[in-house]
Amino acid sequence: MIKGYTTGVFDLFHIGHLNILRRSKEMCDYLIVGVSTDDLVESYKGKTPIIPYEERKAIVESIKYVDEVVPQTSRNKREALDDINFNVMFVGDDWKGAPLFIETEREFKKMGVDIVYFPYTLGTNSTLLTEVLRMVVK
């Protein structure tokens, strides 16, 4: 059985999120999705998600491509591998070459774990949607 893993904040869920979940499930038998907790997002983005963690988790759990949702409390992908024991990790290609993934790729390759990068969905992203929403609310 191929166990896949992907992560995200999934704030203001959009078609890019759905695309990565659908494509991930097409490449594995069992898909686990790590949804970033509010504390984790605040720690590295310096802002609180618009939609609280429990609601984002419920949204992702309701997607037919998702078999299991776990809280993502750390960006350390090796810790996630140790906890979940997946065979393949799915990531948007906007992360390819980022320091977070350069070392992860090296480490995972030694362990026989693949990282598959999917094309970024142009024109749609949560950061832009959030910025527009925050301007409107002000």
N, C-alpha and C. Protein backbone atom coordinates (compact mmCIF):
# COMPACT_ATOMS: atom_id res chain seq x y z
N MET A 1 0.85 -1.18 0.00
CA MET A 1 0.00 0.00 0.00
C MET A 1 0.89 1.25 0.00
N ILE A 2 0.55 2.19 -0.85
CA ILE A 2 1.28 3.46 -0.90
C ILE A 2 0.55 4.46 -0.03
N LYS A 3 1.26 4.95 1.00
CA LYS A 3 0.69 5.93 1.91
C LYS A 3 1.29 7.29 1.57
N GLY A 4 0.41 8.24 1.21
CA GLY A 4 0.84 9.57 0.83
C GLY A 4 0.58 10.59 1.92
N TYR A 5 1.33 11.67 1.87
CA TYR A 5 1.21 12.74 2.86
C TYR A 5 1.38 14.08 2.18
N THR A 6 0.53 15.01 2.53
CA THR A 6 0.68 16.39 2.09
C THR A 6 0.24 17.29 3.23
N THR A 7 0.65 18.54 3.17
CA THR A 7 0.32 19.48 4.25
C THR A 7 -0.11 20.82 3.68
N GLY A 8 -0.72 21.60 4.53
CA GLY A 8 -1.08 22.95 4.15
C GLY A 8 -1.82 23.65 5.26
N VAL A 9 -1.96 24.94 5.07
CA VAL A 9 -2.77 25.73 6.00
C VAL A 9 -4.24 25.55 5.65
N PHE A 10 -4.53 25.57 4.35
CA PHE A 10 -5.89 25.41 3.83
C PHE A 10 -6.82 26.50 4.34
N ASP A 11 -6.28 27.71 4.49
CA ASP A 11 -7.09 28.87 4.88
C ASP A 11 -7.75 29.41 3.62
N LEU A 12 -9.02 29.68 3.68
CA LEU A 12 -9.80 30.11 2.51
C LEU A 12 -9.61 29.10 1.38
N PHE A 13 -10.12 27.91 1.62
CA PHE A 13 -9.97 26.77 0.71
C PHE A 13 -10.34 27.16 -0.72
N HIS A 14 -9.48 26.82 -1.68
CA HIS A 14 -9.70 27.19 -3.08
C HIS A 14 -9.30 26.05 -4.02
N ILE A 15 -9.44 26.27 -5.31
CA ILE A 15 -9.22 25.23 -6.32
C ILE A 15 -7.80 24.68 -6.30
N GLY A 16 -6.82 25.50 -5.96
CA GLY A 16 -5.44 25.00 -5.86
C GLY A 16 -5.32 23.94 -4.78
N HIS A 17 -6.00 24.16 -3.66
CA HIS A 17 -6.00 23.16 -2.58
C HIS A 17 -6.65 21.86 -3.08
N LEU A 18 -7.80 22.01 -3.72
CA LEU A 18 -8.50 20.83 -4.23
C LEU A 18 -7.65 20.07 -5.25
N ASN A 19 -6.97 20.82 -6.12
CA ASN A 19 -6.11 20.18 -7.13
C ASN A 19 -5.02 19.33 -6.50
N ILE A 20 -4.34 19.86 -5.47
CA ILE A 20 -3.25 19.08 -4.87
C ILE A 20 -3.79 17.86 -4.14
N LEU A 21 -4.95 17.97 -3.51
CA LEU A 21 -5.54 16.81 -2.84
C LEU A 21 -5.97 15.75 -3.84
N ARG A 22 -6.61 16.17 -4.91
CA ARG A 22 -7.06 15.23 -5.95
C ARG A 22 -5.87 14.53 -6.60
N ARG A 23 -4.87 15.31 -6.99
CA ARG A 23 -3.71 14.72 -7.67
C ARG A 23 -2.91 13.82 -6.73
N SER A 24 -2.85 14.20 -5.46
CA SER A 24 -2.15 13.36 -4.48
C SER A 24 -2.83 12.01 -4.36
N LYS A 25 -4.14 12.03 -4.22
CA LYS A 25 -4.90 10.78 -4.06
C LYS A 25 -4.77 9.89 -5.29
N GLU A 26 -4.63 10.48 -6.47
CA GLU A 26 -4.45 9.69 -7.69
C GLU A 26 -3.15 8.89 -7.66
N MET A 27 -2.20 9.31 -6.81
CA MET A 27 -0.88 8.68 -6.79
C MET A 27 -0.61 7.84 -5.54
N CYS A 28 -1.64 7.64 -4.72
CA CYS A 28 -1.43 6.81 -3.53
C CYS A 28 -2.73 6.09 -3.18
N ASP A 29 -2.61 5.11 -2.30
CA ASP A 29 -3.78 4.35 -1.85
C ASP A 29 -4.46 5.00 -0.66
N TYR A 30 -3.67 5.67 0.17
CA TYR A 30 -4.18 6.25 1.41
C TYR A 30 -3.53 7.61 1.57
N LEU A 31 -4.34 8.66 1.66
CA LEU A 31 -3.81 10.02 1.74
C LEU A 31 -4.06 10.64 3.11
N ILE A 32 -2.96 11.01 3.75
CA ILE A 32 -3.00 11.72 5.03
C ILE A 32 -2.65 13.17 4.77
N VAL A 33 -3.45 14.06 5.34
CA VAL A 33 -3.23 15.49 5.16
C VAL A 33 -2.96 16.14 6.51
N GLY A 34 -1.82 16.83 6.59
CA GLY A 34 -1.49 17.60 7.77
C GLY A 34 -2.01 19.02 7.61
N VAL A 35 -2.93 19.41 8.47
CA VAL A 35 -3.46 20.77 8.45
C VAL A 35 -2.72 21.57 9.52
N SER A 36 -2.11 22.67 9.12
CA SER A 36 -1.32 23.49 10.04
C SER A 36 -2.20 24.07 11.14
N THR A 37 -1.72 23.95 12.38
CA THR A 37 -2.45 24.54 13.50
C THR A 37 -2.29 26.06 13.48
N ASP A 38 -3.19 26.74 14.16
CA ASP A 38 -3.12 28.20 14.24
C ASP A 38 -1.78 28.65 14.81
N ASP A 39 -1.32 27.98 15.87
CA ASP A 39 -0.04 28.35 16.50
C ASP A 39 1.13 28.20 15.52
N LEU A 40 1.13 27.13 14.74
CA LEU A 40 2.21 26.95 13.78
C LEU A 40 2.20 28.06 12.74
N VAL A 41 1.04 28.37 12.20
CA VAL A 41 0.93 29.43 11.19
C VAL A 41 1.41 30.76 11.75
N GLU A 42 0.99 31.08 12.95
CA GLU A 42 1.41 32.33 13.60
C GLU A 42 2.93 32.36 13.78
N SER A 43 3.54 31.21 14.08
CA SER A 43 4.97 31.17 14.36
C SER A 43 5.83 31.47 13.13
N TYR A 44 5.38 31.07 11.93
CA TYR A 44 6.23 31.31 10.76
C TYR A 44 5.67 32.33 9.77
N LYS A 45 4.39 32.63 9.85
CA LYS A 45 3.82 33.65 8.96
C LYS A 45 3.57 34.97 9.69
N GLY A 46 3.54 34.90 11.01
CA GLY A 46 3.31 36.11 11.79
C GLY A 46 1.90 36.63 11.73
N LYS A 47 0.96 35.76 11.36
CA LYS A 47 -0.45 36.17 11.31
C LYS A 47 -1.34 34.97 11.59
N THR A 48 -2.52 35.27 12.07
CA THR A 48 -3.49 34.23 12.40
C THR A 48 -4.31 33.90 11.15
N PRO A 49 -4.56 32.62 10.90
CA PRO A 49 -5.43 32.27 9.77
C PRO A 49 -6.82 32.90 9.93
N ILE A 50 -7.47 33.19 8.83
CA ILE A 50 -8.83 33.73 8.84
C ILE A 50 -9.79 32.70 9.43
N ILE A 51 -9.64 31.46 8.99
CA ILE A 51 -10.51 30.37 9.44
C ILE A 51 -9.77 29.59 10.53
N PRO A 52 -10.38 29.39 11.70
CA PRO A 52 -9.71 28.66 12.79
C PRO A 52 -9.39 27.22 12.41
N TYR A 53 -8.38 26.67 13.07
CA TYR A 53 -7.89 25.32 12.78
C TYR A 53 -9.00 24.28 12.73
N GLU A 54 -9.85 24.21 13.73
CA GLU A 54 -10.88 23.15 13.78
C GLU A 54 -11.80 23.22 12.56
N GLU A 55 -12.10 24.42 12.08
CA GLU A 55 -12.95 24.56 10.89
C GLU A 55 -12.20 24.18 9.63
N ARG A 56 -10.92 24.57 9.52
CA ARG A 56 -10.12 24.17 8.36
C ARG A 56 -9.96 22.66 8.32
N LYS A 57 -9.75 22.06 9.48
CA LYS A 57 -9.64 20.60 9.59
C LYS A 57 -10.93 19.93 9.11
N ALA A 58 -12.08 20.45 9.55
CA ALA A 58 -13.37 19.87 9.15
C ALA A 58 -13.59 19.98 7.64
N ILE A 59 -13.17 21.09 7.06
CA ILE A 59 -13.30 21.26 5.60
C ILE A 59 -12.47 20.20 4.89
N VAL A 60 -11.21 20.06 5.28
CA VAL A 60 -10.33 19.10 4.61
C VAL A 60 -10.82 17.67 4.83
N GLU A 61 -11.30 17.35 6.03
CA GLU A 61 -11.83 16.01 6.30
C GLU A 61 -13.01 15.67 5.40
N SER A 62 -13.74 16.67 4.95
CA SER A 62 -14.94 16.41 4.14
C SER A 62 -14.62 16.18 2.67
N ILE A 63 -13.39 16.37 2.26
CA ILE A 63 -13.00 16.18 0.86
C ILE A 63 -12.85 14.69 0.58
N LYS A 64 -13.47 14.22 -0.48
CA LYS A 64 -13.50 12.78 -0.76
C LYS A 64 -12.14 12.17 -1.05
N TYR A 65 -11.15 12.96 -1.39
CA TYR A 65 -9.82 12.43 -1.69
C TYR A 65 -8.99 12.18 -0.43
N VAL A 66 -9.45 12.68 0.69
CA VAL A 66 -8.68 12.64 1.94
C VAL A 66 -9.12 11.46 2.81
N ASP A 67 -8.17 10.64 3.21
CA ASP A 67 -8.47 9.51 4.07
C ASP A 67 -8.31 9.83 5.55
N GLU A 68 -7.40 10.73 5.87
CA GLU A 68 -7.13 11.06 7.27
C GLU A 68 -6.54 12.46 7.37
N VAL A 69 -6.91 13.18 8.42
CA VAL A 69 -6.35 14.51 8.68
C VAL A 69 -5.67 14.48 10.04
N VAL A 70 -4.45 15.04 10.07
CA VAL A 70 -3.70 15.15 11.32
C VAL A 70 -3.28 16.60 11.50
N PRO A 71 -3.09 17.04 12.74
CA PRO A 71 -2.61 18.40 12.94
C PRO A 71 -1.13 18.50 12.56
N GLN A 72 -0.78 19.55 11.85
CA GLN A 72 0.63 19.81 11.56
C GLN A 72 1.09 20.86 12.58
N THR A 73 1.89 20.43 13.55
CA THR A 73 2.33 21.32 14.62
C THR A 73 3.78 21.76 14.43
N SER A 74 4.45 21.18 13.44
CA SER A 74 5.84 21.50 13.15
C SER A 74 6.04 21.43 11.64
N ARG A 75 6.95 22.24 11.12
CA ARG A 75 7.26 22.18 9.69
C ARG A 75 8.33 21.15 9.39
N ASN A 76 8.81 20.45 10.40
CA ASN A 76 9.84 19.44 10.25
C ASN A 76 9.24 18.19 9.61
N LYS A 77 9.57 17.97 8.34
CA LYS A 77 8.98 16.86 7.59
C LYS A 77 9.54 15.51 8.05
N ARG A 78 10.75 15.48 8.58
CA ARG A 78 11.31 14.23 9.10
C ARG A 78 10.52 13.76 10.32
N GLU A 79 10.13 14.71 11.18
CA GLU A 79 9.29 14.35 12.33
C GLU A 79 7.97 13.76 11.86
N ALA A 80 7.40 14.36 10.82
CA ALA A 80 6.14 13.85 10.27
C ALA A 80 6.33 12.43 9.73
N LEU A 81 7.43 12.21 9.04
CA LEU A 81 7.72 10.87 8.52
C LEU A 81 7.84 9.86 9.65
N ASP A 82 8.53 10.23 10.71
CA ASP A 82 8.69 9.33 11.85
C ASP A 82 7.34 9.01 12.50
N ASP A 83 6.45 10.01 12.56
CA ASP A 83 5.14 9.82 13.19
C ASP A 83 4.16 9.05 12.30
N ILE A 84 4.20 9.32 11.01
CA ILE A 84 3.17 8.81 10.10
C ILE A 84 3.64 7.64 9.24
N ASN A 85 4.94 7.60 8.93
CA ASN A 85 5.52 6.52 8.13
C ASN A 85 4.89 6.44 6.74
N PHE A 86 4.95 7.53 6.00
CA PHE A 86 4.43 7.56 4.63
C PHE A 86 5.51 7.17 3.62
N ASN A 87 5.07 6.84 2.39
CA ASN A 87 5.99 6.45 1.32
C ASN A 87 6.31 7.58 0.37
N VAL A 88 5.38 8.53 0.27
CA VAL A 88 5.54 9.63 -0.68
C VAL A 88 4.90 10.89 -0.10
N MET A 89 5.58 12.01 -0.34
CA MET A 89 5.06 13.29 0.10
C MET A 89 4.75 14.14 -1.13
N PHE A 90 3.62 14.82 -1.09
CA PHE A 90 3.19 15.66 -2.20
C PHE A 90 3.27 17.13 -1.80
N VAL A 91 3.85 17.95 -2.70
CA VAL A 91 4.12 19.34 -2.39
C VAL A 91 3.89 20.19 -3.64
N GLY A 92 3.42 21.42 -3.46
CA GLY A 92 3.31 22.35 -4.57
C GLY A 92 4.70 22.75 -5.04
N ASP A 93 4.89 22.94 -6.35
CA ASP A 93 6.23 23.22 -6.86
C ASP A 93 6.74 24.62 -6.50
N ASP A 94 5.90 25.43 -5.86
CA ASP A 94 6.39 26.71 -5.36
C ASP A 94 7.38 26.51 -4.20
N TRP A 95 7.42 25.30 -3.64
CA TRP A 95 8.36 24.98 -2.55
C TRP A 95 9.65 24.35 -3.06
N LYS A 96 9.68 23.95 -4.34
CA LYS A 96 10.89 23.29 -4.87
C LYS A 96 12.07 24.25 -4.79
N GLY A 97 13.16 23.77 -4.21
CA GLY A 97 14.36 24.59 -4.06
C GLY A 97 14.39 25.43 -2.79
N ALA A 98 13.29 25.44 -2.04
CA ALA A 98 13.25 26.18 -0.78
C ALA A 98 14.12 25.46 0.24
N PRO A 99 14.79 26.21 1.11
CA PRO A 99 15.67 25.58 2.10
C PRO A 99 14.99 24.46 2.89
N LEU A 100 13.71 24.64 3.22
CA LEU A 100 12.97 23.64 3.96
C LEU A 100 12.96 22.29 3.24
N PHE A 101 12.95 22.31 1.91
CA PHE A 101 12.83 21.06 1.16
C PHE A 101 14.14 20.55 0.58
N ILE A 102 15.16 21.37 0.47
CA ILE A 102 16.44 20.88 -0.06
C ILE A 102 16.98 19.76 0.82
N GLU A 103 17.07 20.00 2.12
CA GLU A 103 17.56 18.97 3.04
C GLU A 103 16.58 17.81 3.15
N THR A 104 15.29 18.11 3.15
CA THR A 104 14.27 17.06 3.24
C THR A 104 14.40 16.10 2.05
N GLU A 105 14.62 16.63 0.86
CA GLU A 105 14.79 15.78 -0.33
C GLU A 105 15.97 14.83 -0.15
N ARG A 106 17.09 15.36 0.33
CA ARG A 106 18.29 14.53 0.53
C ARG A 106 18.01 13.41 1.54
N GLU A 107 17.41 13.81 2.65
CA GLU A 107 17.14 12.84 3.72
C GLU A 107 16.15 11.77 3.27
N PHE A 108 15.06 12.21 2.63
CA PHE A 108 14.03 11.26 2.20
C PHE A 108 14.57 10.31 1.13
N LYS A 109 15.41 10.81 0.24
CA LYS A 109 15.95 9.96 -0.82
C LYS A 109 16.72 8.78 -0.21
N LYS A 110 17.53 9.05 0.82
CA LYS A 110 18.28 8.00 1.50
C LYS A 110 17.36 6.94 2.10
N MET A 111 16.15 7.36 2.47
CA MET A 111 15.20 6.48 3.14
C MET A 111 14.20 5.84 2.18
N GLY A 112 14.32 6.16 0.88
CA GLY A 112 13.42 5.59 -0.11
C GLY A 112 12.04 6.23 -0.15
N VAL A 113 11.94 7.47 0.37
CA VAL A 113 10.67 8.20 0.37
C VAL A 113 10.73 9.24 -0.75
N ASP A 114 9.73 9.22 -1.60
CA ASP A 114 9.68 10.16 -2.73
C ASP A 114 9.00 11.46 -2.34
N ILE A 115 9.41 12.54 -2.99
CA ILE A 115 8.70 13.81 -2.92
C ILE A 115 8.25 14.13 -4.34
N VAL A 116 6.95 14.33 -4.51
CA VAL A 116 6.37 14.66 -5.80
C VAL A 116 5.90 16.11 -5.74
N TYR A 117 6.38 16.91 -6.69
CA TYR A 117 5.99 18.32 -6.76
C TYR A 117 4.92 18.49 -7.83
N PHE A 118 3.84 19.15 -7.46
CA PHE A 118 2.77 19.45 -8.40
C PHE A 118 2.84 20.91 -8.82
N PRO A 119 2.43 21.21 -10.06
CA PRO A 119 2.44 22.60 -10.52
C PRO A 119 1.55 23.49 -9.65
N TYR A 120 2.07 24.65 -9.34
CA TYR A 120 1.34 25.65 -8.57
C TYR A 120 0.16 26.15 -9.40
N THR A 121 -0.99 26.34 -8.77
CA THR A 121 -2.17 26.84 -9.48
C THR A 121 -2.06 28.34 -9.62
N LEU A 122 -1.75 28.79 -10.82
CA LEU A 122 -1.57 30.22 -11.06
C LEU A 122 -2.87 30.99 -10.89
N GLY A 123 -2.74 32.19 -10.36
CA GLY A 123 -3.89 33.08 -10.24
C GLY A 123 -4.71 32.89 -8.99
N THR A 124 -4.45 31.84 -8.22
CA THR A 124 -5.22 31.60 -7.01
C THR A 124 -4.27 31.25 -5.88
N ASN A 125 -4.33 32.02 -4.82
CA ASN A 125 -3.60 31.63 -3.62
C ASN A 125 -4.23 32.28 -2.40
N SER A 126 -4.10 31.61 -1.28
CA SER A 126 -4.74 32.06 -0.05
C SER A 126 -4.17 33.38 0.45
N THR A 127 -2.88 33.61 0.22
CA THR A 127 -2.27 34.86 0.69
C THR A 127 -2.95 36.05 0.03
N LEU A 128 -3.13 35.99 -1.27
CA LEU A 128 -3.79 37.08 -1.99
C LEU A 128 -5.24 37.23 -1.53
N LEU A 129 -5.96 36.12 -1.42
CA LEU A 129 -7.35 36.17 -0.97
C LEU A 129 -7.46 36.76 0.43
N THR A 130 -6.54 36.37 1.31
CA THR A 130 -6.54 36.87 2.68
C THR A 130 -6.26 38.36 2.73
N GLU A 131 -5.27 38.82 1.93
CA GLU A 131 -4.94 40.25 1.91
C GLU A 131 -6.13 41.08 1.44
N VAL A 132 -6.82 40.62 0.41
CA VAL A 132 -7.99 41.34 -0.09
C VAL A 132 -9.09 41.36 0.96
N LEU A 133 -9.32 40.22 1.59
CA LEU A 133 -10.36 40.14 2.63
C LEU A 133 -10.03 41.05 3.80
N ARG A 134 -8.78 41.07 4.22
CA ARG A 134 -8.39 41.93 5.35
C ARG A 134 -8.57 43.41 5.00
N MET A 135 -8.31 43.79 3.74
CA MET A 135 -8.51 45.19 3.33
C MET A 135 -9.99 45.55 3.35
N VAL A 136 -10.83 44.63 2.93
CA VAL A 136 -12.27 44.89 2.87
C VAL A 136 -12.84 45.03 4.29
N VAL A 137 -12.35 44.20 5.20
CA VAL A 137 -12.87 44.20 6.58
C VAL A 137 -12.46 45.49 7.30
N LYS A 138 -11.29 46.04 6.97
CA LYS A 138 -10.84 47.28 7.62
C LYS A 138 -11.79 48.38 7.26
